[in-house]
């Protein structure tokens, strides 16, 4: 898959190694950038309890350069999630609630849409 394909939104995060244990995730590709939001992290080691995804935050958004490549692992349930050039974040924001995370993700998508115009 390449960025020329129509899909630009996924209901899962694309940057966090523990994303399979996150109950919340959004990813959008906007003009060569991947905007990924993760949260509500409940690793099996925590026995169902929510654990902060980072220092004093339950949700986070990170932005990366889009490589144009998509996951093609045959057994992966991600639906062709975008792959970053590398995982050096270009932008970041953290939140404590799902509502804040949704709004923050939307703001970041709009910011990068405006940067690219």
N, C-alpha and C. Protein backbone atom coordinates (compact mmCIF):
# COMPACT_ATOMS: atom_id res chain seq x y z
N UNK A 1 0.83 -1.19 0.00
CA UNK A 1 0.00 0.00 0.00
C UNK A 1 0.87 1.25 0.00
N UNK A 2 0.42 2.29 -0.63
CA UNK A 2 1.14 3.56 -0.66
C UNK A 2 0.21 4.69 -0.27
N UNK A 3 0.75 5.87 -0.11
CA UNK A 3 -0.07 7.02 0.28
C UNK A 3 -1.02 7.44 -0.83
N UNK A 4 -0.87 6.92 -2.04
CA UNK A 4 -1.78 7.25 -3.13
C UNK A 4 -3.14 6.58 -2.95
N UNK A 5 -3.21 5.61 -2.05
CA UNK A 5 -4.49 4.96 -1.81
C UNK A 5 -5.36 5.86 -0.93
N UNK A 6 -6.66 5.67 -1.02
CA UNK A 6 -7.61 6.59 -0.43
C UNK A 6 -7.65 6.60 1.10
N UNK A 7 -7.34 5.50 1.77
CA UNK A 7 -7.52 5.44 3.21
C UNK A 7 -6.57 6.40 3.93
N UNK A 8 -7.12 7.27 4.76
CA UNK A 8 -6.31 8.23 5.52
C UNK A 8 -6.66 8.23 7.00
N UNK A 9 -7.59 7.38 7.45
CA UNK A 9 -8.01 7.35 8.85
C UNK A 9 -8.13 5.92 9.34
N UNK A 10 -7.61 5.69 10.55
CA UNK A 10 -7.72 4.38 11.21
C UNK A 10 -8.17 4.62 12.64
N UNK A 11 -9.01 3.73 13.18
CA UNK A 11 -9.46 3.82 14.57
C UNK A 11 -8.54 2.99 15.46
N UNK A 12 -7.26 3.30 15.38
CA UNK A 12 -6.25 2.69 16.24
C UNK A 12 -5.01 3.57 16.18
N UNK A 13 -4.18 3.48 17.18
CA UNK A 13 -2.96 4.29 17.16
C UNK A 13 -1.87 3.57 16.38
N UNK A 14 -0.89 4.33 15.94
CA UNK A 14 0.15 3.74 15.10
C UNK A 14 1.55 3.91 15.65
N UNK A 15 1.72 4.52 16.82
CA UNK A 15 3.08 4.79 17.27
C UNK A 15 3.49 4.10 18.56
N UNK A 16 2.61 3.53 19.30
CA UNK A 16 2.92 3.04 20.63
C UNK A 16 3.13 1.53 20.61
N UNK A 17 4.24 1.07 21.16
CA UNK A 17 4.57 -0.35 21.13
C UNK A 17 3.51 -1.20 21.85
N UNK A 18 2.82 -0.61 22.81
CA UNK A 18 1.77 -1.33 23.53
C UNK A 18 0.38 -1.04 23.00
N UNK A 19 0.28 -0.62 21.75
CA UNK A 19 -1.01 -0.18 21.21
C UNK A 19 -2.08 -1.26 21.25
N UNK A 20 -1.70 -2.52 21.19
CA UNK A 20 -2.70 -3.59 21.24
C UNK A 20 -3.40 -3.65 22.59
N UNK A 21 -2.79 -3.02 23.60
CA UNK A 21 -3.39 -3.00 24.93
C UNK A 21 -4.01 -1.63 25.26
N UNK A 22 -4.13 -0.80 24.25
CA UNK A 22 -4.82 0.49 24.39
C UNK A 22 -6.26 0.32 23.95
N UNK A 23 -7.17 0.86 24.70
CA UNK A 23 -8.59 0.79 24.32
C UNK A 23 -9.01 1.97 23.47
N UNK A 24 -8.10 2.90 23.26
CA UNK A 24 -8.40 4.08 22.45
C UNK A 24 -7.25 4.34 21.49
N UNK A 25 -7.59 4.65 20.25
CA UNK A 25 -6.56 5.01 19.29
C UNK A 25 -7.16 5.63 18.04
N UNK A 26 -6.45 6.59 17.49
CA UNK A 26 -6.81 7.24 16.23
C UNK A 26 -5.53 7.49 15.45
N UNK A 27 -5.58 7.32 14.15
CA UNK A 27 -4.46 7.68 13.28
C UNK A 27 -5.02 8.32 12.03
N UNK A 28 -4.41 9.43 11.64
CA UNK A 28 -4.75 10.10 10.39
C UNK A 28 -3.46 10.42 9.66
N UNK A 29 -3.51 10.35 8.34
CA UNK A 29 -2.41 10.79 7.49
C UNK A 29 -2.85 12.07 6.82
N UNK A 30 -2.05 13.13 7.02
CA UNK A 30 -2.37 14.45 6.48
C UNK A 30 -1.12 15.00 5.80
N UNK A 31 -1.18 15.10 4.49
CA UNK A 31 -0.11 15.75 3.70
C UNK A 31 1.29 15.32 4.09
N UNK A 32 1.50 14.01 4.19
CA UNK A 32 2.83 13.51 4.48
C UNK A 32 3.17 13.36 5.95
N UNK A 33 2.20 13.58 6.82
CA UNK A 33 2.41 13.43 8.26
C UNK A 33 1.45 12.39 8.81
N UNK A 34 1.92 11.62 9.78
CA UNK A 34 1.08 10.68 10.52
C UNK A 34 0.76 11.32 11.85
N UNK A 35 -0.53 11.46 12.16
CA UNK A 35 -0.96 11.95 13.47
C UNK A 35 -1.58 10.76 14.18
N UNK A 36 -0.97 10.36 15.28
CA UNK A 36 -1.38 9.16 16.00
C UNK A 36 -1.69 9.50 17.45
N UNK A 37 -2.87 9.07 17.91
CA UNK A 37 -3.28 9.30 19.30
C UNK A 37 -3.58 7.95 19.95
N UNK A 38 -3.02 7.73 21.14
CA UNK A 38 -3.20 6.48 21.89
C UNK A 38 -3.65 6.81 23.30
N UNK A 39 -4.27 5.82 23.93
CA UNK A 39 -4.61 6.00 25.33
C UNK A 39 -5.48 4.90 25.89
N UNK A 40 -5.88 5.11 27.14
CA UNK A 40 -6.62 4.12 27.90
C UNK A 40 -5.86 2.79 27.87
N UNK A 41 -4.59 2.89 28.24
CA UNK A 41 -3.64 1.76 28.22
C UNK A 41 -3.91 0.84 29.40
N UNK A 42 -4.20 -0.41 29.09
CA UNK A 42 -4.51 -1.41 30.12
C UNK A 42 -3.71 -2.68 29.86
N UNK A 43 -2.41 -2.64 30.18
CA UNK A 43 -1.57 -3.80 29.93
C UNK A 43 -1.99 -4.99 30.80
N UNK A 44 -1.80 -6.17 30.28
CA UNK A 44 -2.20 -7.38 31.02
C UNK A 44 -1.50 -7.44 32.38
N UNK A 45 -0.32 -6.90 32.48
CA UNK A 45 0.40 -6.91 33.75
C UNK A 45 -0.29 -6.06 34.83
N UNK A 46 -1.16 -5.15 34.42
CA UNK A 46 -1.88 -4.28 35.37
C UNK A 46 -3.25 -4.85 35.73
N UNK A 47 -3.56 -6.04 35.25
CA UNK A 47 -4.81 -6.74 35.57
C UNK A 47 -6.05 -5.90 35.29
N UNK A 48 -6.07 -5.25 34.12
CA UNK A 48 -7.24 -4.50 33.69
C UNK A 48 -7.30 -3.06 34.15
N UNK A 49 -6.39 -2.65 35.01
CA UNK A 49 -6.36 -1.27 35.48
C UNK A 49 -5.70 -0.39 34.43
N UNK A 50 -6.19 0.83 34.30
CA UNK A 50 -5.58 1.77 33.37
C UNK A 50 -4.25 2.25 33.93
N UNK A 51 -3.26 2.33 33.04
CA UNK A 51 -1.91 2.77 33.39
C UNK A 51 -1.60 3.99 32.52
N UNK A 52 -0.93 4.98 33.10
CA UNK A 52 -0.53 6.13 32.29
C UNK A 52 0.34 5.67 31.13
N UNK A 53 0.11 6.27 29.98
CA UNK A 53 0.85 5.93 28.77
C UNK A 53 2.22 6.61 28.76
N UNK A 54 2.33 7.66 29.54
CA UNK A 54 3.56 8.42 29.71
C UNK A 54 3.47 9.20 31.00
N UNK A 55 4.45 10.03 31.25
CA UNK A 55 4.48 10.78 32.49
C UNK A 55 3.26 11.68 32.63
N UNK A 56 2.43 11.37 33.62
CA UNK A 56 1.23 12.13 33.97
C UNK A 56 0.28 12.35 32.80
N UNK A 57 0.11 11.32 31.97
CA UNK A 57 -0.87 11.41 30.88
C UNK A 57 -1.41 10.03 30.58
N UNK A 58 -2.72 9.98 30.37
CA UNK A 58 -3.41 8.74 30.05
C UNK A 58 -3.58 8.57 28.54
N UNK A 59 -3.42 9.67 27.79
CA UNK A 59 -3.56 9.69 26.34
C UNK A 59 -2.48 10.59 25.78
N UNK A 60 -2.06 10.35 24.54
CA UNK A 60 -1.08 11.21 23.90
C UNK A 60 -1.25 11.20 22.40
N UNK A 61 -0.89 12.33 21.79
CA UNK A 61 -0.83 12.45 20.34
C UNK A 61 0.61 12.73 19.95
N UNK A 62 1.08 12.02 18.93
CA UNK A 62 2.41 12.26 18.38
C UNK A 62 2.29 12.37 16.86
N UNK A 63 3.21 13.15 16.28
CA UNK A 63 3.23 13.37 14.84
C UNK A 63 4.58 12.92 14.30
N UNK A 64 4.55 12.22 13.15
CA UNK A 64 5.75 11.70 12.51
C UNK A 64 5.66 11.95 11.00
N UNK A 65 6.81 11.90 10.33
CA UNK A 65 6.81 11.92 8.87
C UNK A 65 6.30 10.57 8.36
N UNK A 66 5.41 10.60 7.39
CA UNK A 66 4.87 9.38 6.77
C UNK A 66 5.87 8.85 5.75
N UNK A 67 6.20 7.57 5.85
CA UNK A 67 7.13 6.95 4.90
C UNK A 67 6.46 6.63 3.57
N UNK A 68 5.11 6.62 3.57
CA UNK A 68 4.38 6.20 2.38
C UNK A 68 4.15 4.69 2.36
N UNK A 69 4.79 3.98 3.28
CA UNK A 69 4.60 2.53 3.38
C UNK A 69 3.47 2.23 4.37
N UNK A 70 2.84 1.08 4.17
CA UNK A 70 1.77 0.64 5.06
C UNK A 70 2.08 -0.78 5.53
N UNK A 71 1.62 -1.10 6.73
CA UNK A 71 1.83 -2.45 7.27
C UNK A 71 1.21 -3.46 6.31
N UNK A 72 1.99 -4.46 5.99
CA UNK A 72 1.51 -5.51 5.10
C UNK A 72 1.68 -6.89 5.72
N UNK A 73 1.88 -6.94 7.04
CA UNK A 73 2.00 -8.23 7.72
C UNK A 73 0.69 -8.99 7.59
N UNK A 74 0.73 -10.19 7.03
CA UNK A 74 -0.51 -10.92 6.76
C UNK A 74 -1.33 -11.24 8.01
N UNK A 75 -0.71 -11.42 9.15
CA UNK A 75 -1.44 -11.78 10.37
C UNK A 75 -1.78 -10.57 11.25
N UNK A 76 -1.39 -9.38 10.81
CA UNK A 76 -1.62 -8.17 11.60
C UNK A 76 -3.05 -7.66 11.40
N UNK A 77 -3.76 -7.39 12.49
CA UNK A 77 -5.13 -6.90 12.38
C UNK A 77 -5.26 -5.38 12.20
N UNK A 78 -4.14 -4.69 11.92
CA UNK A 78 -4.16 -3.22 11.93
C UNK A 78 -4.86 -2.59 10.74
N UNK A 79 -5.06 -3.30 9.66
CA UNK A 79 -5.73 -2.72 8.51
C UNK A 79 -4.84 -1.83 7.67
N UNK A 80 -3.54 -2.13 7.63
CA UNK A 80 -2.62 -1.36 6.79
C UNK A 80 -2.23 -0.02 7.39
N UNK A 81 -1.98 -0.02 8.69
CA UNK A 81 -1.62 1.22 9.41
C UNK A 81 -0.38 1.86 8.77
N UNK A 82 -0.30 3.19 8.71
CA UNK A 82 0.86 3.85 8.12
C UNK A 82 2.13 3.64 8.94
N UNK A 83 3.25 3.59 8.24
CA UNK A 83 4.55 3.41 8.88
C UNK A 83 5.36 4.69 8.78
N UNK A 84 5.90 5.12 9.88
CA UNK A 84 6.69 6.35 9.92
C UNK A 84 8.06 6.13 9.30
N UNK A 85 8.66 7.22 8.77
CA UNK A 85 10.04 7.16 8.30
C UNK A 85 10.94 6.69 9.43
N UNK A 86 10.77 7.29 10.58
CA UNK A 86 11.42 6.88 11.82
C UNK A 86 10.48 7.37 12.92
N UNK A 87 10.79 7.07 14.13
CA UNK A 87 9.86 7.45 15.19
C UNK A 87 10.39 8.63 16.02
N UNK A 88 11.03 9.57 15.33
CA UNK A 88 11.38 10.84 15.98
C UNK A 88 10.15 11.73 15.85
N UNK A 89 9.54 12.01 16.98
CA UNK A 89 8.31 12.80 16.94
C UNK A 89 8.59 14.23 16.53
N UNK A 90 7.68 14.75 15.72
CA UNK A 90 7.76 16.14 15.25
C UNK A 90 6.93 17.06 16.12
N UNK A 91 5.93 16.48 16.78
CA UNK A 91 5.01 17.26 17.60
C UNK A 91 4.40 16.31 18.61
N UNK A 92 3.86 16.86 19.69
CA UNK A 92 3.36 16.03 20.78
C UNK A 92 2.36 16.82 21.63
N UNK A 93 1.38 16.10 22.19
CA UNK A 93 0.52 16.66 23.22
C UNK A 93 0.00 15.51 24.08
N UNK A 94 -0.26 15.77 25.34
CA UNK A 94 -0.76 14.75 26.26
C UNK A 94 -2.07 15.19 26.89
N UNK A 95 -2.87 14.20 27.34
CA UNK A 95 -4.21 14.48 27.87
C UNK A 95 -4.54 13.50 28.98
N UNK A 96 -5.60 13.83 29.74
CA UNK A 96 -6.04 12.95 30.82
C UNK A 96 -7.38 12.26 30.53
N UNK A 97 -8.10 12.69 29.48
CA UNK A 97 -9.40 12.06 29.20
C UNK A 97 -9.54 11.76 27.71
N UNK A 98 -10.45 10.86 27.40
CA UNK A 98 -10.71 10.52 25.99
C UNK A 98 -11.26 11.74 25.24
N UNK A 99 -12.11 12.51 25.88
CA UNK A 99 -12.65 13.70 25.23
C UNK A 99 -11.53 14.68 24.86
N UNK A 100 -10.61 14.93 25.80
CA UNK A 100 -9.47 15.81 25.52
C UNK A 100 -8.62 15.24 24.39
N UNK A 101 -8.44 13.90 24.39
CA UNK A 101 -7.63 13.25 23.35
C UNK A 101 -8.27 13.40 21.97
N UNK A 102 -9.57 13.21 21.89
CA UNK A 102 -10.27 13.39 20.60
C UNK A 102 -10.13 14.83 20.09
N UNK A 103 -10.34 15.78 20.99
CA UNK A 103 -10.22 17.19 20.59
C UNK A 103 -8.78 17.53 20.23
N UNK A 104 -7.82 17.02 21.00
CA UNK A 104 -6.41 17.28 20.72
C UNK A 104 -5.97 16.67 19.40
N UNK A 105 -6.46 15.47 19.12
CA UNK A 105 -6.15 14.81 17.84
C UNK A 105 -6.70 15.65 16.68
N UNK A 106 -7.93 16.10 16.81
CA UNK A 106 -8.54 16.92 15.76
C UNK A 106 -7.78 18.23 15.56
N UNK A 107 -7.33 18.85 16.65
CA UNK A 107 -6.54 20.08 16.53
C UNK A 107 -5.23 19.82 15.79
N UNK A 108 -4.57 18.69 16.11
CA UNK A 108 -3.30 18.36 15.47
C UNK A 108 -3.51 18.07 13.99
N UNK A 109 -4.59 17.37 13.64
CA UNK A 109 -4.91 17.11 12.23
C UNK A 109 -5.09 18.44 11.50
N UNK A 110 -5.84 19.35 12.10
CA UNK A 110 -6.08 20.65 11.47
C UNK A 110 -4.78 21.45 11.35
N UNK A 111 -3.95 21.42 12.37
CA UNK A 111 -2.67 22.13 12.34
C UNK A 111 -1.82 21.66 11.16
N UNK A 112 -1.73 20.34 10.97
CA UNK A 112 -0.89 19.82 9.89
C UNK A 112 -1.54 19.97 8.52
N UNK A 113 -2.86 20.03 8.50
CA UNK A 113 -3.55 20.35 7.24
C UNK A 113 -3.23 21.79 6.85
N UNK A 114 -3.19 22.70 7.81
CA UNK A 114 -2.90 24.12 7.56
C UNK A 114 -1.43 24.31 7.19
N UNK A 115 -0.53 23.59 7.83
CA UNK A 115 0.91 23.68 7.52
C UNK A 115 1.15 23.33 6.05
N UNK A 116 0.42 22.35 5.57
CA UNK A 116 0.61 21.83 4.23
C UNK A 116 -0.05 22.65 3.14
N UNK A 117 -0.93 23.58 3.53
CA UNK A 117 -1.64 24.35 2.51
C UNK A 117 -0.80 25.49 1.99
